[in-house]
Structures are given as structure tokens and as C-alpha cells.
């Protein structure tokens, strides 16, 4: 990143050098953003008048079974919201017996 900033905007190189990009800093920023998005989604969900849930089974790149939970709803202004609510890792497969 420093090399790129030196080429694109050499006058800002010192600013880029002062940015901490340690793993701990990056993780902390990701956790902060995640918490903020979760809070915003919670507020949005509470404003829904009606909603439905959709479940979808899938496997990730490491062949781990996952359950994706989507919520779709409408508020009192008839604004439709559709969001990925959660991704849950499953022990075995995504068959009905494993889910329920």
C-alpha cells in the first residue's frame, strides 16, 4: 500500500505510513463494523409489520454444511426489506432431519 501511495499520491505517503494495519487492528475494525451492521439490522427488523424467513442449505469451499437464514419483510410504509440474517454452520448435512 505504501508503494502504491508513493506512486499515486506522494504528498500523502506519510499519512499512509501512520496507518496501523496490524492483524489485531484489522480484526477490531471488522468486529466494530459487524456490530454496527447487526445493530442496524435489528432496528430495521423491529420496524417490520410482516415478515417471512427463508432457509437455504449450502456447503462452503471446505465442504462444511451451512444453513443460510434470510428475512424478508414489509414495514408500515410498504418498504420491502430482504437481508441475510445469519449463516449457521451445521455438524453434518443440510437435510431436513439435521435442521429440525
C-alpha atoms as a PDB file:
ATOM      1  CA  UNK A   1       0.000   0.000   0.000  1.00  0.00           C
ATOM      2  CA  UNK A   2       2.863   2.361   0.782  1.00  0.00           C
ATOM      3  CA  UNK A   3       4.439   1.703  -2.630  1.00  0.00           C
ATOM      4  CA  UNK A   4       1.142   2.452  -4.370  1.00  0.00           C
ATOM      5  CA  UNK A   5       0.615   5.648  -2.383  1.00  0.00           C
ATOM      6  CA  UNK A   6       4.145   6.737  -3.289  1.00  0.00           C
ATOM      7  CA  UNK A   7       3.221   6.483  -6.981  1.00  0.00           C
ATOM      8  CA  UNK A   8      -0.362   7.782  -6.880  1.00  0.00           C
ATOM      9  CA  UNK A   9      -0.131  10.460  -4.221  1.00  0.00           C
ATOM     10  CA  UNK A  10       3.405  11.006  -2.946  1.00  0.00           C
ATOM     11  CA  UNK A  11       2.270  14.016  -0.915  1.00  0.00           C
ATOM     12  CA  UNK A  12       0.171  11.684   1.298  1.00  0.00           C
ATOM     13  CA  UNK A  13       2.800   8.996   1.827  1.00  0.00           C
ATOM     14  CA  UNK A  14       3.389   9.970   5.469  1.00  0.00           C
ATOM     15  CA  UNK A  15      -0.342   9.684   6.226  1.00  0.00           C
ATOM     16  CA  UNK A  16      -0.414   6.148   4.847  1.00  0.00           C
ATOM     17  CA  UNK A  17       2.692   5.192   6.816  1.00  0.00           C
ATOM     18  CA  UNK A  18       0.978   6.240  10.047  1.00  0.00           C
ATOM     19  CA  UNK A  19      -1.998   3.904   9.497  1.00  0.00           C
ATOM     20  CA  UNK A  20      -1.776   0.800  11.652  1.00  0.00           C
ATOM     21  CA  UNK A  21      -2.641  -2.317   9.678  1.00  0.00           C
ATOM     22  CA  UNK A  22      -1.743  -4.961  12.225  1.00  0.00           C
ATOM     23  CA  UNK A  23      -3.934  -8.053  12.310  1.00  0.00           C
ATOM     24  CA  UNK A  24      -5.311  -7.003  15.661  1.00  0.00           C
ATOM     25  CA  UNK A  25      -6.300  -3.580  14.306  1.00  0.00           C
ATOM     26  CA  UNK A  26      -7.961  -5.067  11.238  1.00  0.00           C
ATOM     27  CA  UNK A  27      -9.883  -7.605  13.356  1.00  0.00           C
ATOM     28  CA  UNK A  28     -11.007  -4.855  15.725  1.00  0.00           C
ATOM     29  CA  UNK A  29     -12.280  -2.741  12.821  1.00  0.00           C
ATOM     30  CA  UNK A  30     -14.123  -5.705  11.280  1.00  0.00           C
ATOM     31  CA  UNK A  31     -15.752  -6.517  14.635  1.00  0.00           C
ATOM     32  CA  UNK A  32     -16.819  -2.889  15.056  1.00  0.00           C
ATOM     33  CA  UNK A  33     -18.353  -2.780  11.572  1.00  0.00           C
ATOM     34  CA  UNK A  34     -20.078  -6.130  12.161  1.00  0.00           C
ATOM     35  CA  UNK A  35     -21.581  -4.935  15.436  1.00  0.00           C
ATOM     36  CA  UNK A  36     -22.828  -1.753  13.783  1.00  0.00           C
ATOM     37  CA  UNK A  37     -24.453  -3.664  10.909  1.00  0.00           C
ATOM     38  CA  UNK A  38     -26.060  -6.121  13.336  1.00  0.00           C
ATOM     39  CA  UNK A  39     -27.499  -3.256  15.397  1.00  0.00           C
ATOM     40  CA  UNK A  40     -28.866  -1.530  12.293  1.00  0.00           C
ATOM     41  CA  UNK A  41     -30.444  -4.761  11.048  1.00  0.00           C
ATOM     42  CA  UNK A  42     -32.045  -5.343  14.454  1.00  0.00           C
ATOM     43  CA  UNK A  43     -33.597  -1.879  14.393  1.00  0.00           C
ATOM     44  CA  UNK A  44     -34.831  -2.431  10.839  1.00  0.00           C
ATOM     45  CA  UNK A  45     -36.347  -5.819  11.704  1.00  0.00           C
ATOM     46  CA  UNK A  46     -38.237  -4.348  14.663  1.00  0.00           C
ATOM     47  CA  UNK A  47     -39.956  -1.917  12.288  1.00  0.00           C
ATOM     48  CA  UNK A  48     -41.354  -4.699  10.071  1.00  0.00           C
ATOM     49  CA  UNK A  49     -45.100  -5.246  10.186  1.00  0.00           C
ATOM     50  CA  UNK A  50     -44.933  -8.647   8.468  1.00  0.00           C
ATOM     51  CA  UNK A  51     -42.022 -10.885   7.644  1.00  0.00           C
ATOM     52  CA  UNK A  52     -41.070 -14.325   6.416  1.00  0.00           C
ATOM     53  CA  UNK A  53     -37.961 -16.427   6.828  1.00  0.00           C
ATOM     54  CA  UNK A  54     -36.278 -18.460   4.114  1.00  0.00           C
ATOM     55  CA  UNK A  55     -33.761 -21.219   4.809  1.00  0.00           C
ATOM     56  CA  UNK A  56     -31.197 -22.451   2.322  1.00  0.00           C
ATOM     57  CA  UNK A  57     -28.695 -25.239   2.821  1.00  0.00           C
ATOM     58  CA  UNK A  58     -25.286 -24.984   1.253  1.00  0.00           C
ATOM     59  CA  UNK A  59     -21.696 -26.093   1.667  1.00  0.00           C
ATOM     60  CA  UNK A  60     -18.688 -23.808   1.731  1.00  0.00           C
ATOM     61  CA  UNK A  61     -15.360 -24.264  -0.018  1.00  0.00           C
ATOM     62  CA  UNK A  62     -14.120 -26.599   2.746  1.00  0.00           C
ATOM     63  CA  UNK A  63     -17.241 -28.803   2.341  1.00  0.00           C
ATOM     64  CA  UNK A  64     -18.748 -27.639   5.653  1.00  0.00           C
ATOM     65  CA  UNK A  65     -22.555 -27.705   5.739  1.00  0.00           C
ATOM     66  CA  UNK A  66     -24.124 -24.301   6.279  1.00  0.00           C
ATOM     67  CA  UNK A  67     -27.633 -23.036   6.845  1.00  0.00           C
ATOM     68  CA  UNK A  68     -28.333 -19.579   5.428  1.00  0.00           C
ATOM     69  CA  UNK A  69     -31.256 -17.729   7.002  1.00  0.00           C
ATOM     70  CA  UNK A  70     -32.863 -14.860   5.098  1.00  0.00           C
ATOM     71  CA  UNK A  71     -35.551 -12.479   6.302  1.00  0.00           C
ATOM     72  CA  UNK A  72     -37.919 -10.613   4.032  1.00  0.00           C
ATOM     73  CA  UNK A  73     -40.470  -8.194   5.360  1.00  0.00           C
ATOM     74  CA  UNK A  74     -42.508  -5.091   4.785  1.00  0.00           C
ATOM     75  CA  UNK A  75     -42.907  -2.091   7.069  1.00  0.00           C
ATOM     76  CA  UNK A  76     -45.884   0.223   7.594  1.00  0.00           C
ATOM     77  CA  UNK A  77     -44.720   2.387   4.660  1.00  0.00           C
ATOM     78  CA  UNK A  78     -44.703  -0.691   2.381  1.00  0.00           C
ATOM     79  CA  UNK A  79     -40.913  -0.641   2.078  1.00  0.00           C
ATOM     80  CA  UNK A  80     -39.654  -4.170   1.422  1.00  0.00           C
ATOM     81  CA  UNK A  81     -36.545  -5.353   3.227  1.00  0.00           C
ATOM     82  CA  UNK A  82     -34.660  -8.526   2.349  1.00  0.00           C
ATOM     83  CA  UNK A  83     -31.448  -9.388   4.192  1.00  0.00           C
ATOM     84  CA  UNK A  84     -29.201 -12.298   5.013  1.00  0.00           C
ATOM     85  CA  UNK A  85     -29.959 -12.759   8.692  1.00  0.00           C
ATOM     86  CA  UNK A  86     -27.464 -15.453   9.645  1.00  0.00           C
ATOM     87  CA  UNK A  87     -25.122 -18.176   8.439  1.00  0.00           C
ATOM     88  CA  UNK A  88     -25.095 -21.167  10.769  1.00  0.00           C
ATOM     89  CA  UNK A  89     -22.543 -23.946  10.494  1.00  0.00           C
ATOM     90  CA  UNK A  90     -24.003 -27.444  10.758  1.00  0.00           C
ATOM     91  CA  UNK A  91     -22.340 -30.594  12.037  1.00  0.00           C
ATOM     92  CA  UNK A  92     -23.359 -32.948   9.248  1.00  0.00           C
ATOM     93  CA  UNK A  93     -25.550 -32.143   6.264  1.00  0.00           C
ATOM     94  CA  UNK A  94     -28.302 -29.715   5.365  1.00  0.00           C
ATOM     95  CA  UNK A  95     -31.119 -32.265   5.167  1.00  0.00           C
ATOM     96  CA  UNK A  96     -34.443 -31.690   6.896  1.00  0.00           C
ATOM     97  CA  UNK A  97     -33.533 -34.149   9.653  1.00  0.00           C
ATOM     98  CA  UNK A  98     -30.420 -32.147  10.525  1.00  0.00           C
ATOM     99  CA  UNK A  99     -32.297 -28.851  10.526  1.00  0.00           C
ATOM    100  CA  UNK A 100     -35.372 -29.827  12.505  1.00  0.00           C
END
